[in-house]
């Protein structure tokens, strides 16, 4: 009986324990297990172990010929159609470029997986913060309804104000239900990332703030170069098109059509075995591959044009993102300064010192501050979103070694 009580108490203690805090780096590290990333990794691994090299010979043919319909008078020939050394060289370069493109695609898959997790973290932090603010607003609205209800029988009672307070209260109630549902959905997604069965709390002890983001961005130089994965892939596709063109051209310039060895037996003279060597030289009279070369040249020009378009788009996106962050930062600083000024003891004491001030006015002041806090929280989320966007477009998100850019320590993200 004593043992049973001990077990029950132990289980009760465990059930009331606080959920284990989950580090942001652990969530980001789960990106390595993302199914899309793993599929791309398998493809890359297969490509690394199965290079599509051009063989020494394009074709090997065995030929036989019967003379005078006599099976014993047979001629045998072995014909080799070689590939040029230049063709093999450019094909090897083509393979290396293809491998590089797949490596970039692998980084893109990791980039998407990381972005997905960063976005969940932003949403979870924002939802938790806005829920806490809405809870405080709900309490203030309850107080406002209580104050108005007490004055229900007075002559100058304004029913419209009571209805307005109740409507605001119900609206906040509904918003809290939506926030609770959203919080659960985000937590479910993160639990899937980490294969968790229990509830968890997010460790935000070293979480970056708006001031940190501003300082960090000011220390960086953002360039429109191959750090951006789209630009890197586009540049590699130009190289790939060049190798494709050069391989086709080298094949056209290969004048050695074939070489052949022939053996013929002679029944009239069994000791006289005929062994011959033949060589075929292709005469460059008609350039049959010129239409294909022209198509490949146009492909090169298209890829070059694509690169310039991508560079222009990335440059605009980067400049626009930096500008958006600066505007959001300015709005954030102004709103924060207003809240800090209104929330000081001096400011509150000023309102309290007014003779005959209504409790409703004081509640309205507190509600005003809380609503500004909601605006501040929205601005903070937008800043985090734009900060993530800037890290993504600049290529820093997947720049090795992977870093946790939501931590002030920027610790390395491990598998």
Protein backbone atom coordinates (compact mmCIF):
# COMPACT_ATOMS: atom_id res chain seq x y z
CA UNK A 1 0.00 0.00 0.00
CA UNK A 2 2.84 2.38 0.90
CA UNK A 3 4.55 1.62 -2.43
CA UNK A 4 1.32 2.35 -4.30
CA UNK A 5 0.95 5.72 -2.58
CA UNK A 6 4.58 6.56 -3.36
CA UNK A 7 4.09 5.79 -7.07
CA UNK A 8 0.89 7.85 -7.21
CA UNK A 9 2.59 10.80 -5.52
CA UNK A 10 5.57 10.52 -7.89
CA UNK A 11 3.29 10.49 -10.93
CA UNK A 12 1.35 13.44 -9.56
CA UNK A 13 4.58 15.35 -9.02
CA UNK A 14 5.71 14.63 -12.57
CA UNK A 15 2.36 15.69 -14.00
CA UNK A 16 2.60 19.08 -12.27
CA UNK A 17 6.19 19.72 -13.33
CA UNK A 18 6.82 22.67 -15.61
CA UNK A 19 7.24 21.73 -19.31
CA UNK A 20 10.82 21.45 -20.39
CA UNK A 21 12.08 24.61 -22.15
CA UNK A 22 12.91 24.07 -25.81
CA UNK A 23 15.79 26.01 -27.27
CA UNK A 24 15.32 27.89 -30.51
CA UNK A 25 18.50 26.25 -31.85
CA UNK A 26 16.92 22.82 -31.34
CA UNK A 27 13.93 23.82 -33.46
CA UNK A 28 16.20 25.19 -36.18
CA UNK A 29 18.37 22.06 -36.05
CA UNK A 30 15.34 19.95 -36.95
CA UNK A 31 15.54 21.50 -40.43
CA UNK A 32 18.19 18.88 -41.21
CA UNK A 33 15.47 16.22 -40.82
CA UNK A 34 13.01 17.99 -43.12
CA UNK A 35 11.62 15.53 -45.67
CA UNK A 36 12.21 17.84 -48.66
CA UNK A 37 15.80 18.47 -47.57
CA UNK A 38 16.41 14.76 -47.01
CA UNK A 39 14.98 13.90 -50.46
CA UNK A 40 17.25 16.44 -52.10
CA UNK A 41 20.16 15.07 -50.07
CA UNK A 42 19.49 11.55 -51.38
CA UNK A 43 19.42 12.87 -54.94
CA UNK A 44 22.71 14.71 -54.39
CA UNK A 45 24.31 11.64 -52.85
CA UNK A 46 23.23 9.52 -55.83
CA UNK A 47 24.63 12.06 -58.25
CA UNK A 48 27.96 12.17 -56.42
CA UNK A 49 28.37 8.41 -56.69
CA UNK A 50 27.06 8.11 -60.26
CA UNK A 51 28.83 10.61 -62.50
CA UNK A 52 27.55 10.65 -66.08
CA UNK A 53 30.94 10.58 -67.77
CA UNK A 54 31.27 10.24 -71.54
CA UNK A 55 32.98 6.88 -72.32
CA UNK A 56 36.06 6.60 -74.47
CA UNK A 57 33.99 5.06 -77.26
CA UNK A 58 30.60 6.29 -78.34
CA UNK A 59 29.81 2.94 -79.97
CA UNK A 60 31.49 -0.43 -80.51
CA UNK A 61 30.15 -2.64 -83.33
CA UNK A 62 30.87 -6.23 -84.17
CA UNK A 63 30.31 -7.02 -87.86
CA UNK A 64 30.43 -10.25 -89.82
CA UNK A 65 30.19 -10.95 -93.54
CA UNK A 66 29.78 -14.25 -95.46
CA UNK A 67 31.44 -14.63 -98.85
CA UNK A 68 29.67 -16.56 -101.58
CA UNK A 69 27.08 -17.71 -99.04
CA UNK A 70 29.69 -20.04 -97.58
CA UNK A 71 29.66 -20.01 -93.75
CA UNK A 72 33.23 -21.19 -93.69
CA UNK A 73 34.36 -18.16 -95.69
CA UNK A 74 33.65 -15.56 -93.04
CA UNK A 75 34.92 -12.05 -92.44
CA UNK A 76 34.85 -10.44 -89.00
CA UNK A 77 35.14 -6.76 -88.19
CA UNK A 78 35.26 -4.77 -84.95
CA UNK A 79 34.46 -1.09 -85.38
CA UNK A 80 35.12 1.59 -82.75
CA UNK A 81 33.51 5.04 -82.86
CA UNK A 82 35.44 7.16 -80.37
CA UNK A 83 34.43 10.30 -78.50
CA UNK A 84 36.89 13.16 -78.69
CA UNK A 85 39.01 14.05 -75.68
CA UNK A 86 37.56 17.58 -75.76
CA UNK A 87 34.05 16.18 -75.59
CA UNK A 88 34.96 14.06 -72.57
CA UNK A 89 36.62 17.09 -70.92
CA UNK A 90 33.60 19.35 -71.34
CA UNK A 91 31.22 16.61 -70.29
CA UNK A 92 33.18 16.23 -67.05
CA UNK A 93 32.89 19.98 -66.50
CA UNK A 94 29.16 19.72 -67.31
CA UNK A 95 28.82 17.07 -64.61
CA UNK A 96 30.64 19.25 -62.07
CA UNK A 97 28.29 22.16 -62.82
CA UNK A 98 25.25 19.87 -62.54
CA UNK A 99 26.57 18.67 -59.21
CA UNK A 100 27.03 22.26 -58.07
CA UNK A 101 23.47 23.17 -59.10
CA UNK A 102 22.13 20.25 -57.10
CA UNK A 103 24.20 21.38 -54.11
CA UNK A 104 22.60 24.82 -54.41
CA UNK A 105 19.17 23.21 -54.67
CA UNK A 106 20.05 21.29 -51.53
CA UNK A 107 20.83 24.59 -49.80
CA UNK A 108 17.52 25.98 -51.08
CA UNK A 109 15.66 23.06 -49.51
CA UNK A 110 17.46 23.70 -46.22
CA UNK A 111 16.74 27.42 -46.58
CA UNK A 112 13.01 26.75 -46.95
CA UNK A 113 13.03 24.38 -43.98
CA UNK A 114 14.85 26.92 -41.81
CA UNK A 115 12.56 29.74 -42.93
CA UNK A 116 9.52 27.63 -42.05
CA UNK A 117 10.88 27.08 -38.54
CA UNK A 118 11.90 30.70 -38.04
CA UNK A 119 8.39 31.78 -39.04
CA UNK A 120 6.84 29.37 -36.52
CA UNK A 121 9.11 30.76 -33.80
CA UNK A 122 8.13 34.35 -34.67
CA UNK A 123 4.43 33.43 -34.64
CA UNK A 124 4.72 31.58 -31.32
CA UNK A 125 6.53 34.48 -29.61
CA UNK A 126 4.10 37.03 -31.07
CA UNK A 127 1.03 34.95 -30.16
CA UNK A 128 2.24 34.46 -26.58
CA UNK A 129 2.96 38.15 -26.17
CA UNK A 130 -0.29 39.36 -27.70
CA UNK A 131 -2.26 36.85 -25.61
CA UNK A 132 -0.73 38.25 -22.43
CA UNK A 133 -1.58 41.81 -23.52
CA UNK A 134 -5.15 40.84 -24.46
CA UNK A 135 -5.61 39.16 -21.07
CA UNK A 136 -4.71 42.43 -19.36
CA UNK A 137 -7.07 44.30 -21.66
CA UNK A 138 -9.83 41.82 -20.79
CA UNK A 139 -9.35 42.54 -17.06
CA UNK A 140 -9.53 46.30 -17.68
CA UNK A 141 -12.72 45.88 -19.70
CA UNK A 142 -14.21 43.81 -16.88
CA UNK A 143 -13.37 46.68 -14.51
CA UNK A 144 -14.96 49.18 -16.90
CA UNK A 145 -18.15 47.13 -17.07
CA UNK A 146 -18.19 46.85 -13.26
CA UNK A 147 -17.83 50.63 -12.81
CA UNK A 148 -20.55 51.33 -15.38
CA UNK A 149 -22.89 48.74 -13.86
CA UNK A 150 -22.58 50.38 -10.42
CA UNK A 151 -23.82 53.65 -11.96
CA UNK A 152 -26.73 51.89 -13.63
CA UNK A 153 -29.45 53.63 -11.57
CA UNK A 154 -28.05 57.15 -11.80
CA UNK A 155 -29.97 59.80 -13.69
CA UNK A 156 -27.32 60.59 -16.30
CA UNK A 157 -26.34 56.96 -16.92
CA UNK A 158 -25.24 56.34 -20.51
CA UNK A 159 -26.39 52.88 -21.63
CA UNK A 160 -24.46 53.30 -24.86
CA UNK A 161 -21.17 53.31 -22.94
CA UNK A 162 -22.10 50.08 -21.18
CA UNK A 163 -23.04 48.42 -24.47
CA UNK A 164 -19.78 49.63 -25.99
CA UNK A 165 -17.79 48.19 -23.06
CA UNK A 166 -19.61 44.84 -23.30
CA UNK A 167 -19.03 44.71 -27.08
CA UNK A 168 -15.32 45.39 -26.55
CA UNK A 169 -15.19 42.70 -23.87
CA UNK A 170 -16.87 40.09 -26.09
CA UNK A 171 -14.58 41.00 -28.97
CA UNK A 172 -11.51 40.43 -26.78
CA UNK A 173 -12.97 37.11 -25.61
CA UNK A 174 -13.31 35.92 -29.21
CA UNK A 175 -9.82 37.14 -30.04
CA UNK A 176 -8.40 35.18 -27.11
CA UNK A 177 -10.12 32.02 -28.36
CA UNK A 178 -8.54 32.54 -31.81
CA UNK A 179 -5.16 33.20 -30.22
CA UNK A 180 -5.42 30.02 -28.14
CA UNK A 181 -6.26 28.01 -31.26
CA UNK A 182 -3.40 29.60 -33.18
CA UNK A 183 -0.98 28.95 -30.32
CA UNK A 184 -1.95 25.27 -30.27
CA UNK A 185 -1.55 24.96 -34.05
CA UNK A 186 1.93 26.48 -33.94
CA UNK A 187 2.96 24.29 -31.02
CA UNK A 188 1.67 21.22 -32.86
CA UNK A 189 3.82 22.12 -35.87
CA UNK A 190 6.90 22.57 -33.70
CA UNK A 191 6.17 19.30 -31.89
CA UNK A 192 6.13 17.56 -35.28
CA UNK A 193 9.48 19.16 -36.13
CA UNK A 194 11.01 17.88 -32.88
CA UNK A 195 8.96 14.66 -32.60
CA UNK A 196 7.64 15.75 -29.18
CA UNK A 197 4.72 14.14 -27.41
CA UNK A 198 4.41 16.53 -24.45
CA UNK A 199 3.79 20.24 -24.10
CA UNK A 200 6.77 22.56 -24.10
CA UNK A 201 7.83 26.10 -23.37
CA UNK A 202 10.13 28.11 -25.61
CA UNK A 203 13.41 29.27 -24.11
CA UNK A 204 13.69 32.96 -25.02
CA UNK A 205 16.44 33.86 -22.56
CA UNK A 206 18.84 35.03 -25.28
CA UNK A 207 16.23 36.16 -27.78
CA UNK A 208 17.26 39.16 -29.89
CA UNK A 209 15.24 42.34 -29.54
CA UNK A 210 14.55 45.22 -31.89
CA UNK A 211 17.57 47.21 -30.70
CA UNK A 212 19.85 44.22 -31.32
CA UNK A 213 18.43 43.71 -34.81
CA UNK A 214 19.04 47.37 -35.63
CA UNK A 215 22.66 47.21 -34.44
CA UNK A 216 23.28 43.90 -36.20
CA UNK A 217 21.93 45.11 -39.55
CA UNK A 218 24.01 48.30 -39.34
CA UNK A 219 27.20 46.23 -38.97
CA UNK A 220 26.56 44.18 -42.12
CA UNK A 221 27.22 44.93 -45.76
CA UNK A 222 24.69 43.34 -48.09
CA UNK A 223 25.90 42.66 -51.62
CA UNK A 224 24.08 41.35 -54.66
CA UNK A 225 26.30 38.37 -55.40
CA UNK A 226 26.42 34.58 -55.33
CA UNK A 227 25.59 34.61 -51.60
CA UNK A 228 22.00 34.76 -52.80
CA UNK A 229 21.02 31.20 -53.80
CA UNK A 230 18.96 32.29 -56.82
CA UNK A 231 21.91 34.26 -58.19
CA UNK A 232 24.34 31.41 -57.45
CA UNK A 233 22.09 28.93 -59.26
CA UNK A 234 21.61 31.26 -62.22
CA UNK A 235 25.38 31.81 -62.55
CA UNK A 236 25.97 28.06 -62.47
CA UNK A 237 23.33 27.52 -65.15
CA UNK A 238 25.24 29.88 -67.43
CA UNK A 239 28.38 27.79 -66.88
CA UNK A 240 26.32 24.66 -67.53
CA UNK A 241 25.03 26.09 -70.82
CA UNK A 242 28.63 26.98 -71.81
CA UNK A 243 29.80 23.42 -71.18
CA UNK A 244 26.81 22.04 -73.09
CA UNK A 245 27.68 24.24 -76.07
CA UNK A 246 31.40 23.40 -75.95
CA UNK A 247 30.70 19.67 -75.69
CA UNK A 248 28.47 19.77 -78.77
CA UNK A 249 31.03 21.86 -80.64
CA UNK A 250 33.88 19.48 -79.75
CA UNK A 251 31.76 16.59 -80.98
CA UNK A 252 31.28 18.40 -84.29
CA UNK A 253 35.03 19.04 -84.53
CA UNK A 254 35.84 15.38 -84.00
CA UNK A 255 37.11 14.32 -87.46
CA UNK A 256 37.84 10.74 -86.47
CA UNK A 257 34.72 8.90 -87.55
CA UNK A 258 35.82 5.39 -86.63
CA UNK A 259 38.66 2.93 -86.70
CA UNK A 260 38.17 -0.74 -87.49
CA UNK A 261 40.04 -4.01 -87.36
CA UNK A 262 39.02 -6.77 -89.81
CA UNK A 263 39.91 -10.46 -89.90
CA UNK A 264 39.24 -12.75 -92.88
CA UNK A 265 40.04 -16.44 -93.23
CA UNK A 266 41.04 -17.88 -96.63
CA UNK A 267 40.20 -21.58 -97.25
CA UNK A 268 42.49 -21.77 -100.28
CA UNK A 269 45.43 -20.77 -98.23
CA UNK A 270 44.91 -21.68 -94.53
CA UNK A 271 48.22 -20.18 -93.55
CA UNK A 272 47.33 -16.90 -95.04
CA UNK A 273 45.16 -15.14 -92.51
CA UNK A 274 44.10 -11.68 -93.48
CA UNK A 275 44.14 -9.01 -90.74
CA UNK A 276 43.40 -5.41 -91.69
CA UNK A 277 43.06 -2.06 -89.99
CA UNK A 278 40.72 0.67 -91.28
CA UNK A 279 40.29 4.30 -90.39
CA UNK A 280 37.34 6.59 -91.12
CA UNK A 281 37.86 10.35 -91.37
CA UNK A 282 34.81 12.57 -91.38
CA UNK A 283 35.04 15.34 -93.95
CA UNK A 284 33.78 18.64 -92.55
CA UNK A 285 31.74 19.56 -95.59
CA UNK A 286 28.29 19.99 -94.15
CA UNK A 287 27.96 21.23 -90.57
CA UNK A 288 24.92 19.16 -89.57
CA UNK A 289 25.05 20.19 -85.91
CA UNK A 290 24.98 23.94 -86.58
CA UNK A 291 21.21 24.24 -85.90
CA UNK A 292 21.73 22.61 -82.49
CA UNK A 293 24.75 24.84 -81.80
CA UNK A 294 22.62 27.87 -82.61
CA UNK A 295 19.94 26.70 -80.18
CA UNK A 296 22.56 26.17 -77.48
CA UNK A 297 24.00 29.63 -78.12
CA UNK A 298 20.55 31.17 -77.69
CA UNK A 299 20.20 29.17 -74.49
CA UNK A 300 23.45 30.74 -73.24
CA UNK A 301 22.13 34.22 -73.99
CA UNK A 302 18.81 33.45 -72.26
CA UNK A 303 20.62 32.25 -69.14
CA UNK A 304 22.74 35.41 -69.10
CA UNK A 305 19.61 37.52 -69.44
CA UNK A 306 17.96 35.55 -66.61
CA UNK A 307 20.93 36.31 -64.37
CA UNK A 308 20.68 40.05 -64.97
CA UNK A 309 16.94 39.97 -64.23
CA UNK A 310 17.48 38.01 -61.00
CA UNK A 311 20.27 40.38 -59.90
CA UNK A 312 17.99 43.35 -60.50
CA UNK A 313 15.11 41.75 -58.57
CA UNK A 314 17.34 40.73 -55.65
CA UNK A 315 18.86 44.22 -55.51
CA UNK A 316 15.40 45.82 -55.40
CA UNK A 317 14.13 43.33 -52.82
CA UNK A 318 17.15 43.84 -50.59
CA UNK A 319 16.95 47.64 -50.80
CA UNK A 320 13.19 47.58 -50.19
CA UNK A 321 13.57 45.25 -47.19
CA UNK A 322 16.23 47.45 -45.60
CA UNK A 323 14.05 50.51 -46.17
CA UNK A 324 10.99 48.74 -44.70
CA UNK A 325 13.00 47.78 -41.61
CA UNK A 326 14.16 51.35 -41.14
CA UNK A 327 10.58 52.68 -41.39
CA UNK A 328 9.31 50.01 -38.98
CA UNK A 329 12.17 50.80 -36.59
CA UNK A 330 11.22 54.49 -36.60
CA UNK A 331 7.56 53.70 -35.91
CA UNK A 332 8.60 51.26 -33.18
CA UNK A 333 10.82 53.79 -31.40
CA UNK A 334 8.12 56.47 -31.50
CA UNK A 335 5.42 54.12 -30.17
CA UNK A 336 7.71 52.78 -27.44
CA UNK A 337 8.63 56.32 -26.34
CA UNK A 338 4.93 57.26 -26.10
CA UNK A 339 4.15 54.16 -24.01
CA UNK A 340 7.09 54.78 -21.70
CA UNK A 341 6.04 58.41 -21.23
CA UNK A 342 2.40 57.58 -20.54
CA UNK A 343 3.28 54.69 -18.24
CA UNK A 344 5.60 56.61 -15.91
CA UNK A 345 4.68 57.31 -12.29
CA UNK A 346 4.78 61.05 -12.97
CA UNK A 347 2.25 60.74 -15.77
CA UNK A 348 -0.10 58.55 -13.73
CA UNK A 349 0.25 60.80 -10.67
CA UNK A 350 -0.72 63.76 -12.86
CA UNK A 351 -4.02 62.12 -13.76
CA UNK A 352 -4.67 61.00 -10.17
CA UNK A 353 -4.13 64.52 -8.87
CA UNK A 354 -6.99 65.89 -10.97
CA UNK A 355 -9.87 66.56 -8.62
CA UNK A 356 -13.00 64.55 -9.30
CA UNK A 357 -11.52 62.49 -12.10
CA UNK A 358 -13.72 59.58 -13.05
CA UNK A 359 -12.43 56.00 -12.58
CA UNK A 360 -13.55 55.42 -16.18
CA UNK A 361 -11.01 57.98 -17.36
CA UNK A 362 -8.22 56.17 -15.51
CA UNK A 363 -9.35 52.87 -17.04
CA UNK A 364 -9.44 54.49 -20.47
CA UNK A 365 -5.85 55.69 -19.97
CA UNK A 366 -4.75 52.16 -19.10
CA UNK A 367 -6.64 50.75 -22.09
CA UNK A 368 -4.99 53.32 -24.33
CA UNK A 369 -1.56 52.23 -23.11
CA UNK A 370 -2.40 48.55 -23.67
CA UNK A 371 -3.70 49.23 -27.19
CA UNK A 372 -0.42 51.00 -27.95
CA UNK A 373 1.37 47.91 -26.63
CA UNK A 374 -0.61 45.84 -29.16
CA UNK A 375 0.54 48.21 -31.92
CA UNK A 376 4.10 47.90 -30.61
CA UNK A 377 3.84 44.10 -30.65
CA UNK A 378 2.58 44.15 -34.26
CA UNK A 379 5.49 46.39 -35.26
CA UNK A 380 7.92 44.06 -33.49
CA UNK A 381 6.59 41.05 -35.41
CA UNK A 382 6.88 42.91 -38.72
CA UNK A 383 10.49 43.84 -37.86
CA UNK A 384 11.28 40.19 -37.12
CA UNK A 385 9.61 39.16 -40.40
CA UNK A 386 11.64 41.67 -42.41
CA UNK A 387 14.80 40.73 -40.51
CA UNK A 388 14.24 37.07 -41.48
CA UNK A 389 13.52 38.12 -45.07
CA UNK A 390 16.80 40.06 -45.22
CA UNK A 391 18.76 37.10 -43.84
CA UNK A 392 17.11 34.85 -46.40
CA UNK A 393 17.64 37.04 -49.47
CA UNK A 394 21.25 37.80 -48.51
CA UNK A 395 22.03 34.08 -48.18
CA UNK A 396 23.17 34.42 -44.57
CA UNK A 397 20.49 32.06 -43.30
CA UNK A 398 22.27 29.00 -44.76
CA UNK A 399 25.80 30.37 -44.78
CA UNK A 400 28.00 27.73 -43.11
CA UNK A 401 28.26 27.24 -40.26
CA UNK A 402 24.54 27.64 -39.62
CA UNK A 403 23.87 30.23 -36.93
CA UNK A 404 20.87 30.95 -34.73
CA UNK A 405 20.14 34.52 -35.81
CA UNK A 406 17.38 34.83 -33.20
CA UNK A 407 19.92 34.50 -30.41
CA UNK A 408 22.19 37.29 -29.21
CA UNK A 409 24.94 34.68 -28.89
CA UNK A 410 24.38 33.48 -32.49
CA UNK A 411 25.39 29.97 -31.46
CA UNK A 412 25.95 27.35 -34.13
CA UNK A 413 22.92 25.26 -35.11
CA UNK A 414 23.71 21.57 -34.75
CA UNK A 415 21.97 18.56 -36.23
